[in-house]
Amino acid sequence: MYDFHGALGQYIVYRNLIQLTAPEYTLYLGIDDAVYQDFFQRKSIQLIAKENRLLLMTVEMKNEEIIQWIN
């Protein structure tokens, strides 16, 4: 939860800066697919992600392969 708290805060700051300086870009938070399958399936985390308009990109870390883009 501590790591999520830090990542969400950074994401919000970066997203706001990008909207001001380069609005043509879209920011995604990259996370390990296993973390998405476990941690991000919790209803409380889904609610927080939705409330903060969190865009996710899941990655299979071993092969460094993007699994999915989640809006």
Protein backbone atom coordinates (compact mmCIF):
# COMPACT_ATOMS: atom_id res chain seq x y z
CA MET A 1 0.00 0.00 0.00
CA TYR A 2 2.90 2.35 0.78
CA ASP A 3 4.34 1.90 -2.73
CA PHE A 4 0.91 2.49 -4.28
CA HIS A 5 0.52 5.68 -2.26
CA GLY A 6 3.87 7.00 -3.53
CA ALA A 7 3.27 5.94 -7.13
CA LEU A 8 -0.21 7.49 -7.19
CA GLY A 9 1.11 10.79 -5.85
CA GLN A 10 3.87 10.90 -8.47
CA TYR A 11 1.42 9.93 -11.20
CA ILE A 12 -0.96 12.78 -10.29
CA VAL A 13 1.86 15.35 -10.22
CA TYR A 14 3.33 14.15 -13.54
CA ARG A 15 -0.10 13.99 -15.17
CA ASN A 16 -0.83 17.58 -14.14
CA LEU A 17 2.55 18.78 -15.41
CA ILE A 18 2.09 16.98 -18.72
CA GLN A 19 -1.37 18.50 -19.14
CA LEU A 20 0.20 21.94 -18.74
CA THR A 21 3.31 21.45 -20.85
CA ALA A 22 2.53 18.73 -23.40
CA PRO A 23 -1.22 18.03 -23.46
CA GLU A 24 -0.90 15.83 -26.56
CA TYR A 25 0.71 13.11 -24.39
CA THR A 26 -1.09 10.62 -22.17
CA LEU A 27 0.51 9.30 -19.00
CA TYR A 28 0.16 5.65 -17.96
CA LEU A 29 1.39 4.03 -14.76
CA GLY A 30 3.36 0.90 -15.65
CA ILE A 31 2.90 -2.02 -13.27
CA ASP A 32 3.81 -5.68 -13.19
CA ASP A 33 0.95 -7.82 -14.49
CA ALA A 34 1.08 -10.01 -11.38
CA VAL A 35 0.61 -6.92 -9.19
CA TYR A 36 -2.35 -5.91 -11.33
CA GLN A 37 -3.91 -9.37 -11.05
CA ASP A 38 -3.56 -9.34 -7.26
CA PHE A 39 -3.43 -5.84 -5.79
CA PHE A 40 -5.40 -3.88 -8.40
CA GLN A 41 -8.36 -6.28 -8.25
CA ARG A 42 -9.25 -5.10 -4.75
CA LYS A 43 -12.43 -3.05 -4.79
CA SER A 44 -10.85 -0.31 -2.67
CA ILE A 45 -7.92 0.05 -5.09
CA GLN A 46 -10.25 0.03 -8.10
CA LEU A 47 -12.26 2.83 -6.50
CA ILE A 48 -9.13 4.90 -5.85
CA ALA A 49 -7.86 4.28 -9.39
CA LYS A 50 -11.19 5.32 -10.89
CA GLU A 51 -11.52 8.40 -8.68
CA ASN A 52 -8.04 9.56 -9.71
CA ARG A 53 -8.44 8.69 -13.41
CA LEU A 54 -5.46 6.33 -13.19
CA LEU A 55 -4.43 4.87 -16.55
CA LEU A 56 -2.46 1.62 -16.31
CA MET A 57 -0.09 -0.31 -18.51
CA THR A 58 0.57 -3.86 -17.30
CA VAL A 59 3.93 -5.40 -18.09
CA GLU A 60 5.26 -8.94 -17.90
CA MET A 61 8.57 -8.08 -16.28
CA LYS A 62 10.53 -11.19 -17.20
CA ASN A 63 10.18 -10.57 -20.95
CA GLU A 64 9.66 -6.81 -20.65
CA GLU A 65 6.46 -7.20 -22.65
CA ILE A 66 3.42 -4.96 -22.44
CA ILE A 67 0.39 -7.08 -21.63
CA GLN A 68 -2.41 -4.52 -21.72
CA TRP A 69 -3.31 -0.85 -21.67
CA ILE A 70 -6.08 -0.10 -19.19
CA ASN A 71 -8.05 3.11 -19.45
